[in-house]
Amino acid sequence: MSPTMLLDILVGIAAVIVVIALLTVLWRAVSTHNDARRAVLSDMIFFSMIGLFLCYSMYNRTAITYDVALFAGLFGAISTIANARIISRGRR
């Protein structure tokens, strides 16, 4: 078994785990009635989509992959702050 084949198998397993986690979070976001939970779950959806993108980028290597992951990480902090504002209803 070559190292690239092993890497493909491990990335496939990681992608399946991330998809299962994403579906679980989506189900929980739809079934809950609490706004605070929805805000936190939307943050989890965002970061699991970043993980899924990174698993996809292991198969299709492009030059922009690093930039997209970097910007997603930077904007993730902004979305976390926005979710905190949702939870606190704008109070400081």
PDB file of N, CA and C in Angstrom:
ATOM      1  N   MET A   1       0.852  -1.167   0.000  1.00  0.00           N
ATOM      2  CA  MET A   1       0.000   0.000   0.000  1.00  0.00           C
ATOM      3  C   MET A   1       0.908   1.243   0.000  1.00  0.00           C
ATOM      4  N   SER A   2       0.660   2.114  -0.942  1.00  0.00           N
ATOM      5  CA  SER A   2       1.481   3.316  -1.052  1.00  0.00           C
ATOM      6  C   SER A   2       0.995   4.381  -0.065  1.00  0.00           C
ATOM      7  N   PRO A   3       1.869   5.318   0.268  1.00  0.00           N
ATOM      8  CA  PRO A   3       1.463   6.374   1.214  1.00  0.00           C
ATOM      9  C   PRO A   3       0.317   7.236   0.685  1.00  0.00           C
ATOM     10  N   THR A   4       0.275   7.476  -0.609  1.00  0.00           N
ATOM     11  CA  THR A   4      -0.825   8.291  -1.143  1.00  0.00           C
ATOM     12  C   THR A   4      -2.147   7.553  -1.065  1.00  0.00           C
ATOM     13  N   MET A   5      -2.117   6.248  -1.243  1.00  0.00           N
ATOM     14  CA  MET A   5      -3.341   5.465  -1.125  1.00  0.00           C
ATOM     15  C   MET A   5      -3.830   5.452   0.328  1.00  0.00           C
ATOM     16  N   LEU A   6      -2.896   5.322   1.254  1.00  0.00           N
ATOM     17  CA  LEU A   6      -3.253   5.360   2.670  1.00  0.00           C
ATOM     18  C   LEU A   6      -3.813   6.732   3.046  1.00  0.00           C
ATOM     19  N   LEU A   7      -3.218   7.794   2.516  1.00  0.00           N
ATOM     20  CA  LEU A   7      -3.715   9.137   2.777  1.00  0.00           C
ATOM     21  C   LEU A   7      -5.120   9.316   2.221  1.00  0.00           C
ATOM     22  N   ASP A   8      -5.376   8.794   1.032  1.00  0.00           N
ATOM     23  CA  ASP A   8      -6.720   8.880   0.445  1.00  0.00           C
ATOM     24  C   ASP A   8      -7.754   8.158   1.295  1.00  0.00           C
ATOM     25  N   ILE A   9      -7.387   7.006   1.823  1.00  0.00           N
ATOM     26  CA  ILE A   9      -8.311   6.248   2.668  1.00  0.00           C
ATOM     27  C   ILE A   9      -8.595   7.010   3.966  1.00  0.00           C
ATOM     28  N   LEU A  10      -7.551   7.537   4.588  1.00  0.00           N
ATOM     29  CA  LEU A  10      -7.727   8.261   5.850  1.00  0.00           C
ATOM     30  C   LEU A  10      -8.508   9.559   5.657  1.00  0.00           C
ATOM     31  N   VAL A  11      -8.278  10.249   4.554  1.00  0.00           N
ATOM     32  CA  VAL A  11      -9.037  11.470   4.277  1.00  0.00           C
ATOM     33  C   VAL A  11     -10.493  11.129   3.996  1.00  0.00           C
ATOM     34  N   GLY A  12     -10.741  10.016   3.322  1.00  0.00           N
ATOM     35  CA  GLY A  12     -12.119   9.576   3.087  1.00  0.00           C
ATOM     36  C   GLY A  12     -12.837   9.253   4.391  1.00  0.00           C
ATOM     37  N   ILE A  13     -12.150   8.584   5.302  1.00  0.00           N
ATOM     38  CA  ILE A  13     -12.739   8.276   6.604  1.00  0.00           C
ATOM     39  C   ILE A  13     -13.018   9.564   7.373  1.00  0.00           C
ATOM     40  N   ALA A  14     -12.075  10.505   7.329  1.00  0.00           N
ATOM     41  CA  ALA A  14     -12.273  11.785   8.010  1.00  0.00           C
ATOM     42  C   ALA A  14     -13.449  12.543   7.414  1.00  0.00           C
ATOM     43  N   ALA A  15     -13.597  12.500   6.102  1.00  0.00           N
ATOM     44  CA  ALA A  15     -14.712  13.190   5.452  1.00  0.00           C
ATOM     45  C   ALA A  15     -16.042  12.568   5.860  1.00  0.00           C
ATOM     46  N   VAL A  16     -16.101  11.256   5.972  1.00  0.00           N
ATOM     47  CA  VAL A  16     -17.335  10.596   6.397  1.00  0.00           C
ATOM     48  C   VAL A  16     -17.682  10.993   7.832  1.00  0.00           C
ATOM     49  N   ILE A  17     -16.681  11.053   8.700  1.00  0.00           N
ATOM     50  CA  ILE A  17     -16.926  11.460  10.089  1.00  0.00           C
ATOM     51  C   ILE A  17     -17.429  12.898  10.146  1.00  0.00           C
ATOM     52  N   VAL A  18     -16.842  13.791   9.344  1.00  0.00           N
ATOM     53  CA  VAL A  18     -17.267  15.190   9.337  1.00  0.00           C
ATOM     54  C   VAL A  18     -18.685  15.316   8.794  1.00  0.00           C
ATOM     55  N   VAL A  19     -19.021  14.534   7.765  1.00  0.00           N
ATOM     56  CA  VAL A  19     -20.382  14.581   7.211  1.00  0.00           C
ATOM     57  C   VAL A  19     -21.398  14.081   8.238  1.00  0.00           C
ATOM     58  N   ILE A  20     -21.074  13.025   8.964  1.00  0.00           N
ATOM     59  CA  ILE A  20     -21.980  12.528  10.001  1.00  0.00           C
ATOM     60  C   ILE A  20     -22.163  13.579  11.088  1.00  0.00           C
ATOM     61  N   ALA A  21     -21.069  14.221  11.491  1.00  0.00           N
ATOM     62  CA  ALA A  21     -21.170  15.283  12.499  1.00  0.00           C
ATOM     63  C   ALA A  21     -21.990  16.454  11.975  1.00  0.00           C
ATOM     64  N   LEU A  22     -21.813  16.803  10.710  1.00  0.00           N
ATOM     65  CA  LEU A  22     -22.562  17.907  10.123  1.00  0.00           C
ATOM     66  C   LEU A  22     -24.049  17.603  10.063  1.00  0.00           C
ATOM     67  N   LEU A  23     -24.397  16.395   9.675  1.00  0.00           N
ATOM     68  CA  LEU A  23     -25.808  16.017   9.633  1.00  0.00           C
ATOM     69  C   LEU A  23     -26.432  16.001  11.024  1.00  0.00           C
ATOM     70  N   THR A  24     -25.675  15.563  12.014  1.00  0.00           N
ATOM     71  CA  THR A  24     -26.168  15.566  13.386  1.00  0.00           C
ATOM     72  C   THR A  24     -26.417  16.989  13.884  1.00  0.00           C
ATOM     73  N   VAL A  25     -25.493  17.881  13.580  1.00  0.00           N
ATOM     74  CA  VAL A  25     -25.648  19.274  14.004  1.00  0.00           C
ATOM     75  C   VAL A  25     -26.813  19.925  13.268  1.00  0.00           C
ATOM     76  N   LEU A  26     -26.964  19.636  11.977  1.00  0.00           N
ATOM     77  CA  LEU A  26     -28.088  20.190  11.222  1.00  0.00           C
ATOM     78  C   LEU A  26     -29.420  19.711  11.790  1.00  0.00           C
ATOM     79  N   TRP A  27     -29.493  18.432  12.133  1.00  0.00           N
ATOM     80  CA  TRP A  27     -30.729  17.902  12.723  1.00  0.00           C
ATOM     81  C   TRP A  27     -31.017  18.583  14.052  1.00  0.00           C
ATOM     82  N   ARG A  28     -29.967  18.773  14.850  1.00  0.00           N
ATOM     83  CA  ARG A  28     -30.159  19.407  16.155  1.00  0.00           C
ATOM     84  C   ARG A  28     -30.556  20.875  16.002  1.00  0.00           C
ATOM     85  N   ALA A  29     -30.009  21.557  14.998  1.00  0.00           N
ATOM     86  CA  ALA A  29     -30.359  22.960  14.776  1.00  0.00           C
ATOM     87  C   ALA A  29     -31.811  23.113  14.344  1.00  0.00           C
ATOM     88  N   VAL A  30     -32.319  22.160  13.587  1.00  0.00           N
ATOM     89  CA  VAL A  30     -33.711  22.223  13.135  1.00  0.00           C
ATOM     90  C   VAL A  30     -34.666  21.855  14.261  1.00  0.00           C
ATOM     91  N   SER A  31     -34.266  20.937  15.115  1.00  0.00           N
ATOM     92  CA  SER A  31     -35.185  20.432  16.130  1.00  0.00           C
ATOM     93  C   SER A  31     -35.220  21.266  17.409  1.00  0.00           C
ATOM     94  N   THR A  32     -34.291  22.180  17.598  1.00  0.00           N
ATOM     95  CA  THR A  32     -34.275  22.957  18.832  1.00  0.00           C
ATOM     96  C   THR A  32     -35.105  24.231  18.693  1.00  0.00           C
ATOM     97  N   HIS A  33     -35.551  24.748  19.827  1.00  0.00           N
ATOM     98  CA  HIS A  33     -36.347  25.972  19.837  1.00  0.00           C
ATOM     99  C   HIS A  33     -35.631  27.101  20.573  1.00  0.00           C
ATOM    100  N   ASN A  34     -34.425  26.849  21.037  1.00  0.00           N
ATOM    101  CA  ASN A  34     -33.659  27.819  21.808  1.00  0.00           C
ATOM    102  C   ASN A  34     -32.764  28.620  20.864  1.00  0.00           C
ATOM    103  N   ASP A  35     -32.841  29.951  20.935  1.00  0.00           N
ATOM    104  CA  ASP A  35     -32.042  30.795  20.053  1.00  0.00           C
ATOM    105  C   ASP A  35     -30.550  30.697  20.340  1.00  0.00           C
ATOM    106  N   ALA A  36     -30.197  30.547  21.600  1.00  0.00           N
ATOM    107  CA  ALA A  36     -28.782  30.445  21.956  1.00  0.00           C
ATOM    108  C   ALA A  36     -28.171  29.172  21.372  1.00  0.00           C
ATOM    109  N   ARG A  37     -28.912  28.074  21.438  1.00  0.00           N
ATOM    110  CA  ARG A  37     -28.410  26.832  20.855  1.00  0.00           C
ATOM    111  C   ARG A  37     -28.270  26.942  19.342  1.00  0.00           C
ATOM    112  N   ARG A  38     -29.222  27.594  18.710  1.00  0.00           N
ATOM    113  CA  ARG A  38     -29.134  27.766  17.259  1.00  0.00           C
ATOM    114  C   ARG A  38     -27.925  28.594  16.871  1.00  0.00           C
ATOM    115  N   ALA A  39     -27.598  29.600  17.654  1.00  0.00           N
ATOM    116  CA  ALA A  39     -26.425  30.423  17.367  1.00  0.00           C
ATOM    117  C   ALA A  39     -25.143  29.604  17.486  1.00  0.00           C
ATOM    118  N   VAL A  40     -25.043  28.804  18.520  1.00  0.00           N
ATOM    119  CA  VAL A  40     -23.857  27.967  18.707  1.00  0.00           C
ATOM    120  C   VAL A  40     -23.787  26.892  17.628  1.00  0.00           C
ATOM    121  N   LEU A  41     -24.924  26.308  17.291  1.00  0.00           N
ATOM    122  CA  LEU A  41     -24.938  25.265  16.270  1.00  0.00           C
ATOM    123  C   LEU A  41     -24.603  25.825  14.889  1.00  0.00           C
ATOM    124  N   SER A  42     -24.971  27.062  14.619  1.00  0.00           N
ATOM    125  CA  SER A  42     -24.596  27.643  13.337  1.00  0.00           C
ATOM    126  C   SER A  42     -23.088  27.828  13.245  1.00  0.00           C
ATOM    127  N   ASP A  43     -22.463  28.137  14.359  1.00  0.00           N
ATOM    128  CA  ASP A  43     -21.008  28.222  14.403  1.00  0.00           C
ATOM    129  C   ASP A  43     -20.389  26.844  14.161  1.00  0.00           C
ATOM    130  N   MET A  44     -20.984  25.816  14.743  1.00  0.00           N
ATOM    131  CA  MET A  44     -20.477  24.456  14.532  1.00  0.00           C
ATOM    132  C   MET A  44     -20.649  24.021  13.081  1.00  0.00           C
ATOM    133  N   ILE A  45     -21.740  24.426  12.456  1.00  0.00           N
ATOM    134  CA  ILE A  45     -21.958  24.106  11.050  1.00  0.00           C
ATOM    135  C   ILE A  45     -20.887  24.765  10.194  1.00  0.00           C
ATOM    136  N   PHE A  46     -20.593  26.025  10.497  1.00  0.00           N
ATOM    137  CA  PHE A  46     -19.570  26.747   9.735  1.00  0.00           C
ATOM    138  C   PHE A  46     -18.220  26.043   9.822  1.00  0.00           C
ATOM    139  N   PHE A  47     -17.803  25.676  11.026  1.00  0.00           N
ATOM    140  CA  PHE A  47     -16.491  25.060  11.174  1.00  0.00           C
ATOM    141  C   PHE A  47     -16.454  23.631  10.650  1.00  0.00           C
ATOM    142  N   SER A  48     -17.551  22.915  10.692  1.00  0.00           N
ATOM    143  CA  SER A  48     -17.555  21.583  10.085  1.00  0.00           C
ATOM    144  C   SER A  48     -17.519  21.677   8.558  1.00  0.00           C
ATOM    145  N   MET A  49     -18.096  22.733   8.001  1.00  0.00           N
ATOM    146  CA  MET A  49     -17.986  22.931   6.556  1.00  0.00           C
ATOM    147  C   MET A  49     -16.553  23.273   6.160  1.00  0.00           C
ATOM    148  N   ILE A  50     -15.844  23.996   7.015  1.00  0.00           N
ATOM    149  CA  ILE A  50     -14.428  24.247   6.751  1.00  0.00           C
ATOM    150  C   ILE A  50     -13.649  22.930   6.764  1.00  0.00           C
ATOM    151  N   GLY A  51     -13.957  22.073   7.733  1.00  0.00           N
ATOM    152  CA  GLY A  51     -13.306  20.765   7.790  1.00  0.00           C
ATOM    153  C   GLY A  51     -13.610  19.918   6.579  1.00  0.00           C
ATOM    154  N   LEU A  52     -14.847  19.966   6.106  1.00  0.00           N
ATOM    155  CA  LEU A  52     -15.216  19.225   4.909  1.00  0.00           C
ATOM    156  C   LEU A  52     -14.501  19.786   3.685  1.00  0.00           C
ATOM    157  N   PHE A  53     -14.367  21.106   3.614  1.00  0.00           N
ATOM    158  CA  PHE A  53     -13.620  21.717   2.508  1.00  0.00           C
ATOM    159  C   PHE A  53     -12.163  21.284   2.533  1.00  0.00           C
ATOM    160  N   LEU A  54     -11.576  21.210   3.722  1.00  0.00           N
ATOM    161  CA  LEU A  54     -10.184  20.796   3.807  1.00  0.00           C
ATOM    162  C   LEU A  54     -10.007  19.333   3.426  1.00  0.00           C
ATOM    163  N   CYS A  55     -10.982  18.502   3.758  1.00  0.00           N
ATOM    164  CA  CYS A  55     -10.926  17.100   3.307  1.00  0.00           C
ATOM    165  C   CYS A  55     -11.042  17.025   1.787  1.00  0.00           C
ATOM    166  N   TYR A  56     -11.909  17.840   1.213  1.00  0.00           N
ATOM    167  CA  TYR A  56     -12.054  17.881  -0.245  1.00  0.00           C
ATOM    168  C   TYR A  56     -10.783  18.401  -0.912  1.00  0.00           C
ATOM    169  N   SER A  57     -10.139  19.369  -0.262  1.00  0.00           N
ATOM    170  CA  SER A  57      -8.948  19.954  -0.867  1.00  0.00           C
ATOM    171  C   SER A  57      -7.753  18.999  -0.837  1.00  0.00           C
ATOM    172  N   MET A  58      -7.818  17.971  -0.019  1.00  0.00           N
ATOM    173  CA  MET A  58      -6.748  16.972  -0.045  1.00  0.00           C
ATOM    174  C   MET A  58      -6.793  16.144  -1.327  1.00  0.00           C
ATOM    175  N   TYR A  59      -7.980  15.985  -1.905  1.00  0.00           N
ATOM    176  CA  TYR A  59      -8.107  15.268  -3.168  1.00  0.00           C
ATOM    177  C   TYR A  59      -7.812  16.160  -4.362  1.00  0.00           C
ATOM    178  N   ASN A  60      -8.278  17.393  -4.336  1.00  0.00           N
ATOM    179  CA  ASN A  60      -8.098  18.330  -5.437  1.00  0.00           C
ATOM    180  C   ASN A  60      -7.219  19.481  -4.959  1.00  0.00           C
ATOM    181  N   ARG A  61      -5.948  19.348  -5.209  1.00  0.00           N
ATOM    182  CA  ARG A  61      -5.013  20.363  -4.735  1.00  0.00           C
ATOM    183  C   ARG A  61      -4.999  21.540  -5.696  1.00  0.00           C
ATOM    184  N   THR A  62      -5.231  22.724  -5.154  1.00  0.00           N
ATOM    185  CA  THR A  62      -5.147  23.942  -5.940  1.00  0.00           C
ATOM    186  C   THR A  62      -4.319  24.958  -5.171  1.00  0.00           C
ATOM    187  N   ALA A  63      -3.967  26.038  -5.833  1.00  0.00           N
ATOM    188  CA  ALA A  63      -3.132  27.048  -5.196  1.00  0.00           C
ATOM    189  C   ALA A  63      -3.918  27.901  -4.217  1.00  0.00           C
ATOM    190  N   ILE A  64      -5.209  27.979  -4.370  1.00  0.00           N
ATOM    191  CA  ILE A  64      -6.010  28.884  -3.543  1.00  0.00           C
ATOM    192  C   ILE A  64      -6.544  28.210  -2.278  1.00  0.00           C
ATOM    193  N   THR A  65      -6.324  26.934  -2.116  1.00  0.00           N
ATOM    194  CA  THR A  65      -6.875  26.193  -0.981  1.00  0.00           C
ATOM    195  C   THR A  65      -6.426  26.781   0.353  1.00  0.00           C
ATOM    196  N   TYR A  66      -5.148  27.081   0.471  1.00  0.00           N
ATOM    197  CA  TYR A  66      -4.637  27.631   1.723  1.00  0.00           C
ATOM    198  C   TYR A  66      -5.288  28.976   2.025  1.00  0.00           C
ATOM    199  N   ASP A  67      -5.443  29.808   1.007  1.00  0.00           N
ATOM    200  CA  ASP A  67      -6.048  31.123   1.217  1.00  0.00           C
ATOM    201  C   ASP A  67      -7.499  31.010   1.670  1.00  0.00           C
ATOM    202  N   VAL A  68      -8.238  30.104   1.078  1.00  0.00           N
ATOM    203  CA  VAL A  68      -9.642  29.925   1.458  1.00  0.00           C
ATOM    204  C   VAL A  68      -9.743  29.454   2.903  1.00  0.00           C
ATOM    205  N   ALA A  69      -8.908  28.504   3.286  1.00  0.00           N
ATOM    206  CA  ALA A  69      -8.927  28.005   4.668  1.00  0.00           C
ATOM    207  C   ALA A  69      -8.497  29.098   5.647  1.00  0.00           C
ATOM    208  N   LEU A  70      -7.533  29.909   5.268  1.00  0.00           N
ATOM    209  CA  LEU A  70      -7.081  30.999   6.128  1.00  0.00           C
ATOM    210  C   LEU A  70      -8.174  32.046   6.316  1.00  0.00           C
ATOM    211  N   PHE A  71      -8.812  32.449   5.240  1.00  0.00           N
ATOM    212  CA  PHE A  71      -9.901  33.430   5.344  1.00  0.00           C
ATOM    213  C   PHE A  71     -11.099  32.871   6.114  1.00  0.00           C
ATOM    214  N   ALA A  72     -11.381  31.603   5.930  1.00  0.00           N
ATOM    215  CA  ALA A  72     -12.488  30.993   6.670  1.00  0.00           C
ATOM    216  C   ALA A  72     -12.191  30.998   8.163  1.00  0.00           C
ATOM    217  N   GLY A  73     -10.969  30.724   8.536  1.00  0.00           N
ATOM    218  CA  GLY A  73     -10.597  30.782   9.948  1.00  0.00           C
ATOM    219  C   GLY A  73     -10.687  32.185  10.514  1.00  0.00           C
ATOM    220  N   LEU A  74     -10.290  33.166   9.725  1.00  0.00           N
ATOM    221  CA  LEU A  74     -10.384  34.556  10.180  1.00  0.00           C
ATOM    222  C   LEU A  74     -11.834  35.003  10.303  1.00  0.00           C
ATOM    223  N   PHE A  75     -12.643  34.650   9.334  1.00  0.00           N
ATOM    224  CA  PHE A  75     -14.051  35.045   9.375  1.00  0.00           C
ATOM    225  C   PHE A  75     -14.836  34.220  10.383  1.00  0.00           C
ATOM    226  N   GLY A  76     -14.303  33.077  10.776  1.00  0.00           N
ATOM    227  CA  GLY A  76     -14.948  32.281  11.808  1.00  0.00           C
ATOM    228  C   GLY A  76     -14.990  33.014  13.137  1.00  0.00           C
ATOM    229  N   ALA A  77     -13.932  33.775  13.432  1.00  0.00           N
ATOM    230  CA  ALA A  77     -13.924  34.564  14.668  1.00  0.00           C
ATOM    231  C   ALA A  77     -14.989  35.651  14.607  1.00  0.00           C
ATOM    232  N   ILE A  78     -15.181  36.232  13.443  1.00  0.00           N
ATOM    233  CA  ILE A  78     -16.208  37.267  13.293  1.00  0.00           C
ATOM    234  C   ILE A  78     -17.594  36.665  13.472  1.00  0.00           C
ATOM    235  N   SER A  79     -17.809  35.471  12.933  1.00  0.00           N
ATOM    236  CA  SER A  79     -19.118  34.837  13.098  1.00  0.00           C
ATOM    237  C   SER A  79     -19.353  34.430  14.550  1.00  0.00           C
ATOM    238  N   THR A  80     -18.296  34.060  15.265  1.00  0.00           N
ATOM    239  CA  THR A  80     -18.442  33.742  16.680  1.00  0.00           C
ATOM    240  C   THR A  80     -18.850  34.975  17.474  1.00  0.00           C
ATOM    241  N   ILE A  81     -18.258  36.108  17.152  1.00  0.00           N
ATOM    242  CA  ILE A  81     -18.635  37.358  17.821  1.00  0.00           C
ATOM    243  C   ILE A  81     -20.078  37.720  17.492  1.00  0.00           C
ATOM    244  N   ALA A  82     -20.476  37.528  16.244  1.00  0.00           N
ATOM    245  CA  ALA A  82     -21.858  37.818  15.863  1.00  0.00           C
ATOM    246  C   ALA A  82     -22.824  36.891  16.593  1.00  0.00           C
ATOM    247  N   ASN A  83     -22.446  35.635  16.756  1.00  0.00           N
ATOM    248  CA  ASN A  83     -23.299  34.707  17.498  1.00  0.00           C
ATOM    249  C   ASN A  83     -23.394  35.100  18.971  1.00  0.00           C
ATOM    250  N   ALA A  84     -22.310  35.594  19.530  1.00  0.00           N
ATOM    251  CA  ALA A  84     -22.361  36.066  20.916  1.00  0.00           C
ATOM    252  C   ALA A  84     -23.297  37.259  21.049  1.00  0.00           C
ATOM    253  N   ARG A  85     -23.325  38.113  20.035  1.00  0.00           N
ATOM    254  CA  ARG A  85     -24.259  39.240  20.059  1.00  0.00           C
ATOM    255  C   ARG A  85     -25.703  38.758  19.950  1.00  0.00           C
ATOM    256  N   ILE A  86     -25.925  37.708  19.182  1.00  0.00           N
ATOM    257  CA  ILE A  86     -27.277  37.131  19.083  1.00  0.00           C
ATOM    258  C   ILE A  86     -27.711  36.574  20.436  1.00  0.00           C
ATOM    259  N   ILE A  87     -26.809  35.858  21.086  1.00  0.00           N
ATOM    260  CA  ILE A  87     -27.141  35.252  22.370  1.00  0.00           C
ATOM    261  C   ILE A  87     -27.438  36.312  23.420  1.00  0.00           C
ATOM    262  N   SER A  88     -26.632  37.377  23.432  1.00  0.00           N
ATOM    263  CA  SER A  88     -26.823  38.420  24.443  1.00  0.00           C
ATOM    264  C   SER A  88     -27.866  39.457  24.015  1.00  0.00           C
ATOM    265  N   ARG A  89     -28.434  39.272  22.847  1.00  0.00           N
ATOM    266  CA  ARG A  89     -29.452  40.187  22.294  1.00  0.00           C
ATOM    267  C   ARG A  89     -28.948  41.626  22.204  1.00  0.00           C
ATOM    268  N   GLY A  90     -27.663  41.787  21.878  1.00  0.00           N
ATOM    269  CA  GLY A  90     -27.088  43.096  21.649  1.00  0.00           C
ATOM    270  C   GLY A  90     -26.618  43.828  22.888  1.00  0.00           C
ATOM    271  N   ARG A  91     -26.850  43.262  24.058  1.00  0.00           N
ATOM    272  CA  ARG A  91     -26.379  43.920  25.288  1.00  0.00           C
ATOM    273  C   ARG A  91     -24.875  43.737  25.417  1.00  0.00           C
ATOM    274  N   ARG A  92     -24.236  44.699  26.047  1.00  0.00           N
ATOM    275  CA  ARG A  92     -22.788  44.589  26.240  1.00  0.00           C
ATOM    276  C   ARG A  92     -22.442  44.319  27.662  1.00  0.00           C
TER     277      ARG A  92
END
